[in-house]
PDB file of N, CA and C in Angstrom:
ATOM      1  N   VAL A   1      -5.344   7.267 -25.129  1.00  0.00           N
ATOM      2  CA  VAL A   1      -6.816   6.937 -24.688  1.00  0.00           C
ATOM      3  C   VAL A   1      -6.699   6.869 -23.149  1.00  0.00           C
ATOM      4  N   LEU A   2      -7.714   7.499 -22.507  1.00  0.00           N
ATOM      5  CA  LEU A   2      -7.836   7.631 -21.111  1.00  0.00           C
ATOM      6  C   LEU A   2      -9.397   7.121 -20.698  1.00  0.00           C
ATOM      7  N   ASP A   3      -9.507   6.379 -19.723  1.00  0.00           N
ATOM      8  CA  ASP A   3     -10.635   6.078 -19.244  1.00  0.00           C
ATOM      9  C   ASP A   3     -11.388   7.283 -18.391  1.00  0.00           C
ATOM     10  N   PHE A   4     -12.704   7.166 -18.070  1.00  0.00           N
ATOM     11  CA  PHE A   4     -13.237   8.188 -17.325  1.00  0.00           C
ATOM     12  C   PHE A   4     -14.661   7.616 -16.891  1.00  0.00           C
ATOM     13  N   GLU A   5     -15.056   8.254 -15.779  1.00  0.00           N
ATOM     14  CA  GLU A   5     -16.153   7.689 -15.009  1.00  0.00           C
ATOM     15  C   GLU A   5     -17.494   8.577 -15.650  1.00  0.00           C
ATOM     16  N   HIS A   6     -17.393   9.831 -15.738  1.00  0.00           N
ATOM     17  CA  HIS A   6     -18.588  10.689 -16.166  1.00  0.00           C
ATOM     18  C   HIS A   6     -18.028  11.593 -17.457  1.00  0.00           C
ATOM     19  N   GLU A   7     -19.124  11.916 -18.304  1.00  0.00           N
ATOM     20  CA  GLU A   7     -18.777  12.771 -19.374  1.00  0.00           C
ATOM     21  C   GLU A   7     -18.224  14.174 -18.868  1.00  0.00           C
ATOM     22  N   ASP A   8     -18.727  14.800 -17.984  1.00  0.00           N
ATOM     23  CA  ASP A   8     -18.048  16.033 -17.485  1.00  0.00           C
ATOM     24  C   ASP A   8     -16.663  15.995 -17.175  1.00  0.00           C
ATOM     25  N   GLU A   9     -16.197  14.924 -16.765  1.00  0.00           N
ATOM     26  CA  GLU A   9     -14.735  14.680 -16.397  1.00  0.00           C
ATOM     27  C   GLU A   9     -13.935  14.641 -17.630  1.00  0.00           C
ATOM     28  N   VAL A  10     -14.452  13.921 -18.662  1.00  0.00           N
ATOM     29  CA  VAL A  10     -13.594  13.830 -19.839  1.00  0.00           C
ATOM     30  C   VAL A  10     -13.656  14.947 -20.642  1.00  0.00           C
ATOM     31  N   LEU A  11     -14.764  15.823 -20.594  1.00  0.00           N
ATOM     32  CA  LEU A  11     -14.940  17.079 -21.289  1.00  0.00           C
ATOM     33  C   LEU A  11     -14.001  18.044 -20.808  1.00  0.00           C
ATOM     34  N   ALA A  12     -13.963  18.265 -19.557  1.00  0.00           N
ATOM     35  CA  ALA A  12     -13.090  19.049 -18.705  1.00  0.00           C
ATOM     36  C   ALA A  12     -11.828  18.909 -19.113  1.00  0.00           C
ATOM     37  N   ARG A  13     -11.288  17.610 -19.110  1.00  0.00           N
ATOM     38  CA  ARG A  13      -9.917  17.282 -19.469  1.00  0.00           C
ATOM     39  C   ARG A  13      -9.677  17.407 -20.904  1.00  0.00           C
ATOM     40  N   ALA A  14     -10.442  17.332 -21.864  1.00  0.00           N
ATOM     41  CA  ALA A  14     -10.220  17.462 -23.226  1.00  0.00           C
ATOM     42  C   ALA A  14     -10.223  19.173 -23.442  1.00  0.00           C
ATOM     43  N   ASN A  15     -11.108  19.599 -22.863  1.00  0.00           N
ATOM     44  CA  ASN A  15     -11.099  21.293 -23.279  1.00  0.00           C
ATOM     45  C   ASN A  15     -10.150  21.895 -22.384  1.00  0.00           C
ATOM     46  N   ALA A  16      -9.448  21.419 -21.548  1.00  0.00           N
ATOM     47  CA  ALA A  16      -8.310  22.139 -20.653  1.00  0.00           C
ATOM     48  C   ALA A  16      -7.174  22.395 -21.560  1.00  0.00           C
ATOM     49  N   THR A  17      -7.039  21.725 -22.623  1.00  0.00           N
ATOM     50  CA  THR A  17      -5.740  22.028 -23.562  1.00  0.00           C
ATOM     51  C   THR A  17      -5.801  23.328 -24.202  1.00  0.00           C
ATOM     52  N   GLU A  18      -4.731  23.945 -24.561  1.00  0.00           N
ATOM     53  CA  GLU A  18      -4.763  25.167 -25.200  1.00  0.00           C
ATOM     54  C   GLU A  18      -5.058  24.859 -26.908  1.00  0.00           C
ATOM     55  N   PHE A  19      -4.953  23.659 -27.161  1.00  0.00           N
ATOM     56  CA  PHE A  19      -5.270  23.350 -28.627  1.00  0.00           C
ATOM     57  C   PHE A  19      -6.473  22.706 -28.875  1.00  0.00           C
ATOM     58  N   GLY A  20      -7.115  22.776 -30.026  1.00  0.00           N
ATOM     59  CA  GLY A  20      -8.443  22.272 -30.414  1.00  0.00           C
ATOM     60  C   GLY A  20      -8.556  22.024 -31.942  1.00  0.00           C
ATOM     61  N   LEU A  21      -7.418  21.235 -32.524  1.00  0.00           N
ATOM     62  CA  LEU A  21      -7.570  20.858 -33.960  1.00  0.00           C
ATOM     63  C   LEU A  21      -8.621  20.098 -34.198  1.00  0.00           C
ATOM     64  N   ALA A  22      -8.558  18.820 -33.487  1.00  0.00           N
ATOM     65  CA  ALA A  22      -9.577  17.755 -34.147  1.00  0.00           C
ATOM     66  C   ALA A  22      -9.785  16.847 -32.782  1.00  0.00           C
ATOM     67  N   GLY A  23     -10.755  16.062 -32.798  1.00  0.00           N
ATOM     68  CA  GLY A  23     -11.069  14.926 -31.907  1.00  0.00           C
ATOM     69  C   GLY A  23     -12.174  14.062 -32.313  1.00  0.00           C
ATOM     70  N   GLY A  24     -12.065  13.028 -31.708  1.00  0.00           N
ATOM     71  CA  GLY A  24     -13.133  11.736 -32.118  1.00  0.00           C
ATOM     72  C   GLY A  24     -13.851  11.130 -30.909  1.00  0.00           C
ATOM     73  N   VAL A  25     -15.041  10.914 -31.104  1.00  0.00           N
ATOM     74  CA  VAL A  25     -15.728  10.096 -30.071  1.00  0.00           C
ATOM     75  C   VAL A  25     -16.262   8.782 -30.698  1.00  0.00           C
ATOM     76  N   PHE A  26     -16.092   7.557 -29.898  1.00  0.00           N
ATOM     77  CA  PHE A  26     -16.455   6.371 -30.338  1.00  0.00           C
ATOM     78  C   PHE A  26     -17.371   5.798 -29.299  1.00  0.00           C
ATOM     79  N   THR A  27     -18.499   5.514 -29.769  1.00  0.00           N
ATOM     80  CA  THR A  27     -19.581   5.147 -28.900  1.00  0.00           C
ATOM     81  C   THR A  27     -20.685   4.486 -29.742  1.00  0.00           C
ATOM     82  N   ALA A  28     -21.357   3.507 -29.080  1.00  0.00           N
ATOM     83  CA  ALA A  28     -22.672   3.039 -29.945  1.00  0.00           C
ATOM     84  C   ALA A  28     -23.876   3.962 -29.617  1.00  0.00           C
ATOM     85  N   ASP A  29     -23.574   4.712 -28.749  1.00  0.00           N
ATOM     86  CA  ASP A  29     -24.686   5.654 -28.039  1.00  0.00           C
ATOM     87  C   ASP A  29     -24.669   6.901 -28.897  1.00  0.00           C
ATOM     88  N   LEU A  30     -25.301   7.114 -30.043  1.00  0.00           N
ATOM     89  CA  LEU A  30     -25.251   8.241 -31.004  1.00  0.00           C
ATOM     90  C   LEU A  30     -25.741   9.591 -30.394  1.00  0.00           C
ATOM     91  N   ALA A  31     -26.730   9.530 -29.565  1.00  0.00           N
ATOM     92  CA  ALA A  31     -27.251  10.664 -28.822  1.00  0.00           C
ATOM     93  C   ALA A  31     -26.200  11.195 -27.831  1.00  0.00           C
ATOM     94  N   ARG A  32     -25.322  10.259 -27.395  1.00  0.00           N
ATOM     95  CA  ARG A  32     -24.313  10.607 -26.351  1.00  0.00           C
ATOM     96  C   ARG A  32     -23.216  11.247 -27.374  1.00  0.00           C
ATOM     97  N   ALA A  33     -22.946  10.740 -28.316  1.00  0.00           N
ATOM     98  CA  ALA A  33     -21.895  11.292 -29.062  1.00  0.00           C
ATOM     99  C   ALA A  33     -22.102  12.730 -29.533  1.00  0.00           C
ATOM    100  N   HIS A  34     -23.203  12.799 -29.960  1.00  0.00           N
ATOM    101  CA  HIS A  34     -23.698  14.269 -30.462  1.00  0.00           C
ATOM    102  C   HIS A  34     -23.725  15.250 -29.268  1.00  0.00           C
ATOM    103  N   ARG A  35     -24.167  14.889 -28.124  1.00  0.00           N
ATOM    104  CA  ARG A  35     -24.136  15.663 -26.919  1.00  0.00           C
ATOM    105  C   ARG A  35     -22.574  15.950 -26.508  1.00  0.00           C
ATOM    106  N   VAL A  36     -21.811  15.098 -26.543  1.00  0.00           N
ATOM    107  CA  VAL A  36     -20.237  15.274 -26.193  1.00  0.00           C
ATOM    108  C   VAL A  36     -19.503  16.038 -27.273  1.00  0.00           C
ATOM    109  N   VAL A  37     -19.746  15.825 -28.732  1.00  0.00           N
ATOM    110  CA  VAL A  37     -19.184  16.650 -29.597  1.00  0.00           C
ATOM    111  C   VAL A  37     -19.571  18.211 -29.486  1.00  0.00           C
ATOM    112  N   ASP A  38     -20.776  18.304 -29.214  1.00  0.00           N
ATOM    113  CA  ASP A  38     -21.506  19.635 -28.998  1.00  0.00           C
ATOM    114  C   ASP A  38     -20.444  20.371 -27.927  1.00  0.00           C
ATOM    115  N   ARG A  39     -20.035  19.873 -27.091  1.00  0.00           N
ATOM    116  CA  ARG A  39     -19.371  20.466 -25.862  1.00  0.00           C
ATOM    117  C   ARG A  39     -17.886  20.463 -25.974  1.00  0.00           C
ATOM    118  N   LEU A  40     -17.259  19.648 -26.973  1.00  0.00           N
ATOM    119  CA  LEU A  40     -15.837  19.608 -27.170  1.00  0.00           C
ATOM    120  C   LEU A  40     -15.412  20.845 -27.984  1.00  0.00           C
ATOM    121  N   GLU A  41     -14.268  21.460 -27.592  1.00  0.00           N
ATOM    122  CA  GLU A  41     -13.920  22.759 -28.088  1.00  0.00           C
ATOM    123  C   GLU A  41     -12.684  22.277 -29.225  1.00  0.00           C
ATOM    124  N   ALA A  42     -13.088  22.031 -30.306  1.00  0.00           N
ATOM    125  CA  ALA A  42     -12.226  21.480 -31.337  1.00  0.00           C
ATOM    126  C   ALA A  42     -13.003  21.968 -32.757  1.00  0.00           C
ATOM    127  N   GLY A  43     -12.100  22.231 -33.680  1.00  0.00           N
ATOM    128  CA  GLY A  43     -12.529  22.668 -35.017  1.00  0.00           C
ATOM    129  C   GLY A  43     -13.090  21.378 -35.847  1.00  0.00           C
ATOM    130  N   THR A  44     -12.631  20.333 -35.723  1.00  0.00           N
ATOM    131  CA  THR A  44     -13.080  19.216 -36.439  1.00  0.00           C
ATOM    132  C   THR A  44     -13.296  17.893 -35.599  1.00  0.00           C
ATOM    133  N   LEU A  45     -14.474  17.469 -35.614  1.00  0.00           N
ATOM    134  CA  LEU A  45     -14.856  16.251 -34.872  1.00  0.00           C
ATOM    135  C   LEU A  45     -15.486  15.140 -35.554  1.00  0.00           C
ATOM    136  N   TRP A  46     -15.118  13.986 -35.217  1.00  0.00           N
ATOM    137  CA  TRP A  46     -15.519  12.492 -35.893  1.00  0.00           C
ATOM    138  C   TRP A  46     -16.309  11.932 -34.852  1.00  0.00           C
ATOM    139  N   ILE A  47     -17.164  11.144 -35.326  1.00  0.00           N
ATOM    140  CA  ILE A  47     -18.113  10.268 -34.409  1.00  0.00           C
ATOM    141  C   ILE A  47     -17.806   8.875 -35.170  1.00  0.00           C
ATOM    142  N   ASN A  48     -17.391   8.024 -34.332  1.00  0.00           N
ATOM    143  CA  ASN A  48     -17.137   6.536 -34.938  1.00  0.00           C
ATOM    144  C   ASN A  48     -16.179   6.308 -36.135  1.00  0.00           C
ATOM    145  N   THR A  49     -15.461   7.374 -36.273  1.00  0.00           N
ATOM    146  CA  THR A  49     -14.384   7.370 -37.332  1.00  0.00           C
ATOM    147  C   THR A  49     -13.340   8.307 -36.923  1.00  0.00           C
ATOM    148  N   TYR A  50     -12.330   8.423 -37.660  1.00  0.00           N
ATOM    149  CA  TYR A  50     -11.235   9.388 -37.460  1.00  0.00           C
ATOM    150  C   TYR A  50     -10.463   9.841 -38.611  1.00  0.00           C
ATOM    151  N   ASN A  51     -10.124  11.129 -38.781  1.00  0.00           N
ATOM    152  CA  ASN A  51      -9.311  11.532 -39.773  1.00  0.00           C
ATOM    153  C   ASN A  51      -9.613  11.451 -41.314  1.00  0.00           C
ATOM    154  N   LEU A  52     -11.060  11.363 -41.446  1.00  0.00           N
ATOM    155  CA  LEU A  52     -11.315  11.496 -42.710  1.00  0.00           C
ATOM    156  C   LEU A  52     -11.765  12.965 -43.052  1.00  0.00           C
ATOM    157  N   CYS A  53     -11.125  13.363 -44.257  1.00  0.00           N
ATOM    158  CA  CYS A  53     -11.113  14.877 -44.575  1.00  0.00           C
ATOM    159  C   CYS A  53     -11.348  14.879 -46.009  1.00  0.00           C
ATOM    160  N   PRO A  54     -12.877  14.573 -46.503  1.00  0.00           N
ATOM    161  CA  PRO A  54     -13.115  14.908 -47.864  1.00  0.00           C
ATOM    162  C   PRO A  54     -12.847  16.299 -48.262  1.00  0.00           C
ATOM    163  N   VAL A  55     -12.607  16.770 -49.420  1.00  0.00           N
ATOM    164  CA  VAL A  55     -12.266  18.080 -49.837  1.00  0.00           C
ATOM    165  C   VAL A  55     -13.614  18.941 -49.687  1.00  0.00           C
ATOM    166  N   GLU A  56     -14.817  18.256 -49.685  1.00  0.00           N
ATOM    167  CA  GLU A  56     -15.999  19.192 -49.713  1.00  0.00           C
ATOM    168  C   GLU A  56     -16.461  19.555 -48.086  1.00  0.00           C
ATOM    169  N   ILE A  57     -15.678  19.101 -47.219  1.00  0.00           N
ATOM    170  CA  ILE A  57     -15.908  19.670 -45.811  1.00  0.00           C
ATOM    171  C   ILE A  57     -14.913  20.407 -45.214  1.00  0.00           C
ATOM    172  N   PRO A  58     -15.081  21.431 -44.441  1.00  0.00           N
ATOM    173  CA  PRO A  58     -14.216  22.493 -43.923  1.00  0.00           C
ATOM    174  C   PRO A  58     -13.380  21.523 -42.937  1.00  0.00           C
ATOM    175  N   PHE A  59     -11.992  21.917 -42.798  1.00  0.00           N
ATOM    176  CA  PHE A  59     -11.154  21.224 -41.740  1.00  0.00           C
ATOM    177  C   PHE A  59     -10.273  22.406 -41.247  1.00  0.00           C
ATOM    178  N   GLY A  60     -10.417  22.534 -39.881  1.00  0.00           N
ATOM    179  CA  GLY A  60      -9.524  23.467 -39.220  1.00  0.00           C
ATOM    180  C   GLY A  60      -9.636  23.258 -37.778  1.00  0.00           C
ATOM    181  N   GLY A  61      -8.802  24.139 -36.996  1.00  0.00           N
ATOM    182  CA  GLY A  61      -8.933  23.966 -35.645  1.00  0.00           C
ATOM    183  C   GLY A  61      -9.445  25.251 -35.019  1.00  0.00           C
ATOM    184  N   SER A  62      -9.475  25.150 -33.580  1.00  0.00           N
ATOM    185  CA  SER A  62      -9.806  26.344 -32.627  1.00  0.00           C
ATOM    186  C   SER A  62      -8.600  26.547 -31.653  1.00  0.00           C
ATOM    187  N   LYS A  63      -8.921  27.601 -30.871  1.00  0.00           N
ATOM    188  CA  LYS A  63      -7.775  27.940 -29.859  1.00  0.00           C
ATOM    189  C   LYS A  63      -6.583  28.102 -30.583  1.00  0.00           C
ATOM    190  N   GLN A  64      -5.455  27.432 -29.975  1.00  0.00           N
ATOM    191  CA  GLN A  64      -4.114  27.645 -30.612  1.00  0.00           C
ATOM    192  C   GLN A  64      -3.825  26.719 -31.820  1.00  0.00           C
ATOM    193  N   SER A  65      -4.777  26.086 -32.395  1.00  0.00           N
ATOM    194  CA  SER A  65      -4.515  25.329 -33.455  1.00  0.00           C
ATOM    195  C   SER A  65      -4.917  25.918 -34.886  1.00  0.00           C
ATOM    196  N   GLY A  66      -4.611  27.038 -34.984  1.00  0.00           N
ATOM    197  CA  GLY A  66      -4.817  27.729 -36.151  1.00  0.00           C
ATOM    198  C   GLY A  66      -6.033  28.496 -36.420  1.00  0.00           C
ATOM    199  N   PHE A  67      -6.241  29.104 -37.414  1.00  0.00           N
ATOM    200  CA  PHE A  67      -7.354  29.969 -37.631  1.00  0.00           C
ATOM    201  C   PHE A  67      -7.858  29.668 -39.038  1.00  0.00           C
ATOM    202  N   GLY A  68      -9.260  29.758 -39.369  1.00  0.00           N
ATOM    203  CA  GLY A  68      -9.622  29.626 -40.696  1.00  0.00           C
ATOM    204  C   GLY A  68     -10.000  28.041 -40.983  1.00  0.00           C
ATOM    205  N   ARG A  69     -10.303  27.805 -42.157  1.00  0.00           N
ATOM    206  CA  ARG A  69     -10.570  26.538 -42.589  1.00  0.00           C
ATOM    207  C   ARG A  69     -10.034  26.099 -43.976  1.00  0.00           C
ATOM    208  N   GLU A  70      -9.549  24.847 -43.892  1.00  0.00           N
ATOM    209  CA  GLU A  70      -8.955  24.222 -45.237  1.00  0.00           C
ATOM    210  C   GLU A  70     -10.272  23.608 -46.030  1.00  0.00           C
ATOM    211  N   ASN A  71     -10.303  23.519 -47.326  1.00  0.00           N
ATOM    212  CA  ASN A  71     -11.354  22.754 -47.942  1.00  0.00           C
ATOM    213  C   ASN A  71     -12.433  23.567 -48.032  1.00  0.00           C
ATOM    214  N   SER A  72     -13.392  23.175 -49.023  1.00  0.00           N
ATOM    215  CA  SER A  72     -14.768  23.690 -49.131  1.00  0.00           C
ATOM    216  C   SER A  72     -14.756  24.935 -49.350  1.00  0.00           C
ATOM    217  N   ALA A  73     -15.918  25.490 -49.328  1.00  0.00           N
ATOM    218  CA  ALA A  73     -16.368  26.876 -49.535  1.00  0.00           C
ATOM    219  C   ALA A  73     -15.826  27.844 -48.440  1.00  0.00           C
ATOM    220  N   ALA A  74     -15.727  27.373 -47.197  1.00  0.00           N
ATOM    221  CA  ALA A  74     -15.076  28.117 -46.199  1.00  0.00           C
ATOM    222  C   ALA A  74     -13.886  28.521 -46.337  1.00  0.00           C
ATOM    223  N   ALA A  75     -12.931  27.799 -46.999  1.00  0.00           N
ATOM    224  CA  ALA A  75     -11.569  28.384 -47.365  1.00  0.00           C
ATOM    225  C   ALA A  75     -11.590  29.350 -48.253  1.00  0.00           C
ATOM    226  N   LEU A  76     -12.383  29.358 -49.308  1.00  0.00           N
ATOM    227  CA  LEU A  76     -12.585  30.470 -50.160  1.00  0.00           C
ATOM    228  C   LEU A  76     -13.125  31.677 -49.573  1.00  0.00           C
ATOM    229  N   GLU A  77     -14.134  31.564 -48.606  1.00  0.00           N
ATOM    230  CA  GLU A  77     -14.508  32.680 -47.857  1.00  0.00           C
ATOM    231  C   GLU A  77     -13.395  33.279 -47.123  1.00  0.00           C
ATOM    232  N   HIS A  78     -12.542  32.561 -46.493  1.00  0.00           N
ATOM    233  CA  HIS A  78     -11.359  33.005 -45.644  1.00  0.00           C
ATOM    234  C   HIS A  78     -10.360  33.902 -46.421  1.00  0.00           C
ATOM    235  N   PHE A  79     -10.382  33.521 -47.718  1.00  0.00           N
ATOM    236  CA  PHE A  79      -9.318  34.238 -48.636  1.00  0.00           C
ATOM    237  C   PHE A  79      -9.867  35.395 -49.548  1.00  0.00           C
ATOM    238  N   SER A  80     -11.347  35.535 -49.146  1.00  0.00           N
ATOM    239  CA  SER A  80     -11.888  36.354 -50.024  1.00  0.00           C
ATOM    240  C   SER A  80     -12.523  37.552 -49.176  1.00  0.00           C
ATOM    241  N   GLU A  81     -12.936  38.750 -49.891  1.00  0.00           N
ATOM    242  CA  GLU A  81     -13.628  39.660 -49.083  1.00  0.00           C
ATOM    243  C   GLU A  81     -14.840  40.151 -49.793  1.00  0.00           C
ATOM    244  N   LEU A  82     -15.962  40.105 -49.222  1.00  0.00           N
ATOM    245  CA  LEU A  82     -17.062  40.381 -49.650  1.00  0.00           C
ATOM    246  C   LEU A  82     -17.288  41.900 -50.132  1.00  0.00           C
ATOM    247  N   LYS A  83     -17.711  42.317 -51.272  1.00  0.00           N
ATOM    248  CA  LYS A  83     -17.915  43.764 -51.531  1.00  0.00           C
ATOM    249  C   LYS A  83     -19.161  43.815 -52.232  1.00  0.00           C
ATOM    250  N   THR A  84     -20.056  44.725 -51.873  1.00  0.00           N
ATOM    251  CA  THR A  84     -21.132  44.946 -52.501  1.00  0.00           C
ATOM    252  C   THR A  84     -21.290  46.248 -53.140  1.00  0.00           C
ATOM    253  N   VAL A  85     -21.753  46.277 -54.491  1.00  0.00           N
ATOM    254  CA  VAL A  85     -21.777  47.435 -55.409  1.00  0.00           C
ATOM    255  C   VAL A  85     -23.066  47.473 -55.884  1.00  0.00           C
ATOM    256  N   TYR A  86     -23.752  48.664 -55.779  1.00  0.00           N
ATOM    257  CA  TYR A  86     -25.047  48.834 -56.233  1.00  0.00           C
ATOM    258  C   TYR A  86     -24.972  49.923 -57.343  1.00  0.00           C
ATOM    259  N   VAL A  87     -25.283  49.626 -58.619  1.00  0.00           N
ATOM    260  CA  VAL A  87     -25.438  50.346 -59.718  1.00  0.00           C
ATOM    261  C   VAL A  87     -26.737  50.928 -60.177  1.00  0.00           C
ATOM    262  N   SER A  88     -27.027  52.259 -60.100  1.00  0.00           N
ATOM    263  CA  SER A  88     -28.260  52.591 -60.686  1.00  0.00           C
ATOM    264  C   SER A  88     -28.226  52.939 -61.942  1.00  0.00           C
ATOM    265  N   THR A  89     -29.040  52.471 -62.971  1.00  0.00           N
ATOM    266  CA  THR A  89     -29.034  52.898 -64.318  1.00  0.00           C
ATOM    267  C   THR A  89     -29.818  54.028 -64.729  1.00  0.00           C
ATOM    268  N   GLY A  90     -30.594  54.476 -63.786  1.00  0.00           N
ATOM    269  CA  GLY A  90     -31.337  55.675 -64.090  1.00  0.00           C
ATOM    270  C   GLY A  90     -30.863  57.013 -64.076  1.00  0.00           C
ATOM    271  N   LYS A  91     -31.573  57.931 -64.406  1.00  0.00           N
ATOM    272  CA  LYS A  91     -31.016  59.400 -64.375  1.00  0.00           C
ATOM    273  C   LYS A  91     -30.662  59.903 -63.126  1.00  0.00           C
ATOM    274  N   VAL A  92     -29.622  60.575 -62.900  1.00  0.00           N
ATOM    275  CA  VAL A  92     -29.148  61.075 -61.817  1.00  0.00           C
ATOM    276  C   VAL A  92     -29.551  62.579 -61.624  1.00  0.00           C
ATOM    277  N   ASP A  93     -30.286  62.941 -60.662  1.00  0.00           N
ATOM    278  CA  ASP A  93     -30.753  64.307 -60.381  1.00  0.00           C
ATOM    279  C   ASP A  93     -29.815  65.127 -59.723  1.00  0.00           C
ATOM    280  N   ALA A  94     -29.130  64.549 -58.995  1.00  0.00           N
ATOM    281  CA  ALA A  94     -27.967  65.549 -58.466  1.00  0.00           C
ATOM    282  C   ALA A  94     -26.742  65.848 -59.097  1.00  0.00           C
ATOM    283  N   PRO A  95     -26.546  67.115 -59.356  1.00  0.00           N
ATOM    284  CA  PRO A  95     -25.243  67.415 -60.170  1.00  0.00           C
ATOM    285  C   PRO A  95     -23.947  67.214 -59.242  1.00  0.00           C
ATOM    286  N   TYR A  96     -23.008  66.685 -59.878  1.00  0.00           N
ATOM    287  CA  TYR A  96     -21.823  66.399 -59.317  1.00  0.00           C
ATOM    288  C   TYR A  96     -20.760  67.403 -59.827  1.00  0.00           C
TER     289      TYR A  96
END
């Protein structure tokens, strides 16, 4: 925990790291909390709590803190590849 004078100062300090797994903001001012987490470079952020990871929300980092997301549909999408197949059941006019 480090003190700070201005939001820009603490945001610059937090974002200067090469890592970005998670972070938390504790404040009574929810508008400020949302403004700060919007500018923080981390994959998972909490406001007025920390390290809660229910299985239905994505968890993962940014920068050098990994790639992809664990938990939720986001994890399934990471390990899946979408393929589209269109099948026409009508008569084929072109001979092959």
